[in-house]
């Protein structure tokens, strides 16, 4: 499973949210129990969790259905949650390309209107907002933790020109890519034990970008 998708599903387990109920099942290696992601039981450590796409697959691997959340009862897949999970997987794997609502809808074989409405209903945000956040997170990581050039960092998150990337990044963070990198790295290079994340200006949040 893609690490970013794993983290997103695991976050729903921590928050006990039903977003992925019926889409994935949480198998706990230490107890050999399989639960719904929204189970109210004690949250297992991420290292002890495996997510399965079906309850039957988890049972075949030797996991027993949880007696608390009873994933074996009323276990029909929720089509809206399935679509949202599929959209997440697309964004996790393709955020470095030119990915639009239209191109995602074509890959998922639904209309853009249906994808937009369904995804927002399930997750509380539009696909464009999540895609923007994925790109911003990866851009911050590349600038703070690697020696990737500014232009290459921009291309890695879907921007063809450094100027376009710099303008977008400044709106997201309140800093130019160069200033962001400098503020992240200066404490580290001066002998600190950690790089420090600059304060972010999140007042503006573009919903879409071609």
Protein backbone atom coordinates (compact mmCIF):
# COMPACT_ATOMS: atom_id res chain seq x y z
CA UNK A 1 0.00 0.00 0.00
CA UNK A 2 1.20 3.49 -0.80
CA UNK A 3 2.63 5.06 2.42
CA UNK A 4 0.62 8.25 2.01
CA UNK A 5 -2.61 6.32 1.58
CA UNK A 6 -1.72 4.21 4.64
CA UNK A 7 -1.18 7.37 6.68
CA UNK A 8 -4.51 8.81 5.56
CA UNK A 9 -6.42 5.66 6.49
CA UNK A 10 -4.52 5.32 9.76
CA UNK A 11 -5.39 8.92 10.60
CA UNK A 12 -9.06 8.01 10.25
CA UNK A 13 -8.44 5.11 12.67
CA UNK A 14 -6.86 7.48 15.21
CA UNK A 15 -9.80 9.87 14.85
CA UNK A 16 -12.32 6.99 14.78
CA UNK A 17 -13.89 8.43 11.64
CA UNK A 18 -16.14 6.28 9.42
CA UNK A 19 -14.72 7.62 6.14
CA UNK A 20 -13.13 4.31 5.16
CA UNK A 21 -15.61 1.93 6.81
CA UNK A 22 -16.47 -0.75 4.29
CA UNK A 23 -13.58 0.32 2.07
CA UNK A 24 -10.67 -0.90 4.20
CA UNK A 25 -10.43 -3.09 7.28
CA UNK A 26 -7.95 -2.61 10.12
CA UNK A 27 -6.09 -5.82 10.98
CA UNK A 28 -4.08 -5.69 14.20
CA UNK A 29 -1.04 -7.96 14.16
CA UNK A 30 -0.66 -8.17 17.94
CA UNK A 31 -4.23 -9.30 18.66
CA UNK A 32 -5.13 -10.98 15.33
CA UNK A 33 -8.37 -8.97 15.34
CA UNK A 34 -9.80 -7.14 12.32
CA UNK A 35 -11.92 -4.03 12.87
CA UNK A 36 -13.67 -1.24 11.06
CA UNK A 37 -11.43 1.86 10.84
CA UNK A 38 -13.93 3.69 13.07
CA UNK A 39 -13.78 1.07 15.86
CA UNK A 40 -13.92 2.63 19.34
CA UNK A 41 -11.40 0.18 20.76
CA UNK A 42 -7.93 1.32 21.78
CA UNK A 43 -6.00 2.61 18.78
CA UNK A 44 -3.22 0.20 17.74
CA UNK A 45 0.25 1.44 16.84
CA UNK A 46 0.74 2.04 13.13
CA UNK A 47 3.56 -0.53 13.06
CA UNK A 48 1.07 -3.20 14.19
CA UNK A 49 -1.58 -2.44 11.56
CA UNK A 50 -2.26 -3.90 8.13
CA UNK A 51 -5.15 -2.61 6.00
CA UNK A 52 -7.12 -5.03 3.84
CA UNK A 53 -9.49 -4.14 1.04
CA UNK A 54 -12.00 -6.79 2.09
CA UNK A 55 -13.01 -8.49 5.30
CA UNK A 56 -12.79 -11.88 3.63
CA UNK A 57 -9.13 -11.31 2.78
CA UNK A 58 -8.33 -10.44 6.40
CA UNK A 59 -10.15 -13.51 7.67
CA UNK A 60 -8.26 -15.71 5.21
CA UNK A 61 -5.04 -14.33 6.71
CA UNK A 62 -6.13 -15.51 10.16
CA UNK A 63 -7.71 -12.39 11.66
CA UNK A 64 -10.94 -12.65 13.69
CA UNK A 65 -13.74 -10.05 13.39
CA UNK A 66 -13.85 -7.62 16.30
CA UNK A 67 -16.72 -8.26 18.70
CA UNK A 68 -16.99 -4.57 19.49
CA UNK A 69 -17.40 -2.95 16.05
CA UNK A 70 -18.56 -6.17 14.31
CA UNK A 71 -17.19 -5.58 10.81
CA UNK A 72 -18.92 -8.79 9.68
CA UNK A 73 -22.36 -7.24 10.24
CA UNK A 74 -23.83 -4.80 7.73
CA UNK A 75 -20.58 -4.84 5.85
CA UNK A 76 -21.76 -3.69 2.44
CA UNK A 77 -19.33 -1.32 0.77
CA UNK A 78 -20.30 2.34 0.79
CA UNK A 79 -19.98 3.46 -2.83
CA UNK A 80 -19.31 7.10 -1.92
CA UNK A 81 -16.46 6.14 0.44
CA UNK A 82 -15.02 3.81 -2.18
CA UNK A 83 -14.97 6.62 -4.74
CA UNK A 84 -13.31 9.00 -2.26
CA UNK A 85 -10.67 6.40 -1.42
CA UNK A 86 -9.98 5.81 -5.12
CA UNK A 87 -9.62 9.56 -5.65
CA UNK A 88 -7.18 9.73 -2.73
CA UNK A 89 -5.10 6.95 -4.25
CA UNK A 90 -4.97 8.81 -7.58
CA UNK A 91 -3.87 12.04 -5.93
CA UNK A 92 -1.29 10.30 -3.76
CA UNK A 93 0.27 8.71 -6.80
CA UNK A 94 -0.07 11.49 -9.37
CA UNK A 95 0.21 14.83 -7.55
CA UNK A 96 3.44 15.54 -9.42
CA UNK A 97 1.62 15.54 -12.76
CA UNK A 98 -0.97 17.82 -14.29
CA UNK A 99 -3.94 16.38 -12.45
CA UNK A 100 -7.33 18.07 -12.76
CA UNK A 101 -10.85 17.25 -11.65
CA UNK A 102 -11.65 16.35 -15.25
CA UNK A 103 -8.71 13.96 -15.66
CA UNK A 104 -9.42 12.31 -12.30
CA UNK A 105 -13.07 11.84 -13.21
CA UNK A 106 -12.10 10.27 -16.50
CA UNK A 107 -9.81 7.78 -14.76
CA UNK A 108 -12.53 6.94 -12.23
CA UNK A 109 -15.22 6.77 -14.94
CA UNK A 110 -17.55 9.27 -13.29
CA UNK A 111 -18.57 12.82 -14.12
CA UNK A 112 -16.52 15.70 -12.66
CA UNK A 113 -19.66 17.01 -10.95
CA UNK A 114 -20.32 13.67 -9.27
CA UNK A 115 -16.71 13.32 -8.15
CA UNK A 116 -16.58 16.85 -6.73
CA UNK A 117 -19.89 16.53 -4.87
CA UNK A 118 -19.24 13.02 -3.56
CA UNK A 119 -15.66 13.63 -2.47
CA UNK A 120 -16.60 16.80 -0.60
CA UNK A 121 -19.50 15.07 1.12
CA UNK A 122 -17.30 12.18 2.30
CA UNK A 123 -14.16 14.10 3.29
CA UNK A 124 -15.36 17.63 3.98
CA UNK A 125 -13.09 19.19 1.36
CA UNK A 126 -12.81 19.31 -2.40
CA UNK A 127 -10.30 17.18 -4.35
CA UNK A 128 -8.51 20.39 -5.39
CA UNK A 129 -7.91 21.39 -1.78
CA UNK A 130 -6.45 18.01 -0.88
CA UNK A 131 -4.31 17.96 -4.01
CA UNK A 132 -3.02 21.42 -3.18
CA UNK A 133 -2.16 20.30 0.35
CA UNK A 134 -0.35 17.19 -0.93
CA UNK A 135 1.75 19.33 -3.23
CA UNK A 136 2.51 21.84 -0.49
CA UNK A 137 3.56 19.12 1.93
CA UNK A 138 5.91 17.53 -0.57
CA UNK A 139 7.33 20.90 -1.59
CA UNK A 140 8.06 21.77 2.05
CA UNK A 141 9.71 18.39 2.56
CA UNK A 142 11.93 18.74 -0.50
CA UNK A 143 13.00 22.25 0.46
CA UNK A 144 13.62 21.49 4.12
CA UNK A 145 15.08 17.99 3.98
CA UNK A 146 16.85 17.63 0.61
CA UNK A 147 19.20 19.52 -1.66
CA UNK A 148 16.76 19.41 -4.57
CA UNK A 149 16.95 22.60 -6.63
CA UNK A 150 14.05 25.05 -6.53
CA UNK A 151 13.06 24.38 -10.14
CA UNK A 152 13.26 20.60 -9.63
CA UNK A 153 11.18 20.83 -6.44
CA UNK A 154 8.55 22.75 -8.40
CA UNK A 155 8.49 20.17 -11.18
CA UNK A 156 8.21 17.37 -8.61
CA UNK A 157 4.90 18.82 -7.41
CA UNK A 158 3.46 19.65 -10.81
CA UNK A 159 4.76 23.11 -11.74
CA UNK A 160 6.48 23.55 -15.08
CA UNK A 161 8.12 26.93 -14.34
CA UNK A 162 10.05 28.13 -11.26
CA UNK A 163 8.19 31.45 -11.26
CA UNK A 164 4.78 29.75 -11.12
CA UNK A 165 6.01 27.48 -8.33
CA UNK A 166 7.50 30.37 -6.36
CA UNK A 167 4.31 32.44 -6.57
CA UNK A 168 2.15 29.51 -5.48
CA UNK A 169 4.51 28.53 -2.66
CA UNK A 170 4.59 32.10 -1.34
CA UNK A 171 0.78 32.13 -1.18
CA UNK A 172 0.80 28.83 0.70
CA UNK A 173 3.57 29.57 3.17
CA UNK A 174 4.11 33.32 3.24
CA UNK A 175 7.73 32.75 2.18
CA UNK A 176 9.59 32.28 -1.07
CA UNK A 177 11.02 28.78 -1.58
CA UNK A 178 14.54 30.14 -1.00
CA UNK A 179 13.58 31.90 2.24
CA UNK A 180 11.67 28.86 3.44
CA UNK A 181 14.71 26.64 2.88
CA UNK A 182 16.97 29.11 4.64
CA UNK A 183 14.72 29.38 7.70
CA UNK A 184 14.38 25.60 7.92
CA UNK A 185 18.07 24.91 7.66
CA UNK A 186 19.78 27.73 9.55
CA UNK A 187 19.07 26.37 13.08
CA UNK A 188 20.16 22.91 11.95
CA UNK A 189 23.38 24.10 10.39
CA UNK A 190 24.27 26.18 13.44
CA UNK A 191 24.37 23.11 15.64
CA UNK A 192 20.76 22.54 16.65
CA UNK A 193 19.37 19.03 16.83
CA UNK A 194 16.31 19.71 14.72
CA UNK A 195 15.26 21.70 11.74
CA UNK A 196 12.53 24.13 12.67
CA UNK A 197 9.45 24.59 10.52
CA UNK A 198 8.77 28.26 9.77
CA UNK A 199 5.38 29.59 10.75
CA UNK A 200 2.90 29.16 7.91
CA UNK A 201 0.42 31.70 6.60
CA UNK A 202 -2.64 29.62 5.80
CA UNK A 203 -5.04 32.49 5.29
CA UNK A 204 -5.18 31.92 1.53
CA UNK A 205 -5.95 28.50 0.17
CA UNK A 206 -6.51 28.18 -3.59
CA UNK A 207 -9.10 25.61 -4.48
CA UNK A 208 -7.96 24.81 -8.00
CA UNK A 209 -5.04 25.05 -10.35
CA UNK A 210 -4.76 23.98 -13.94
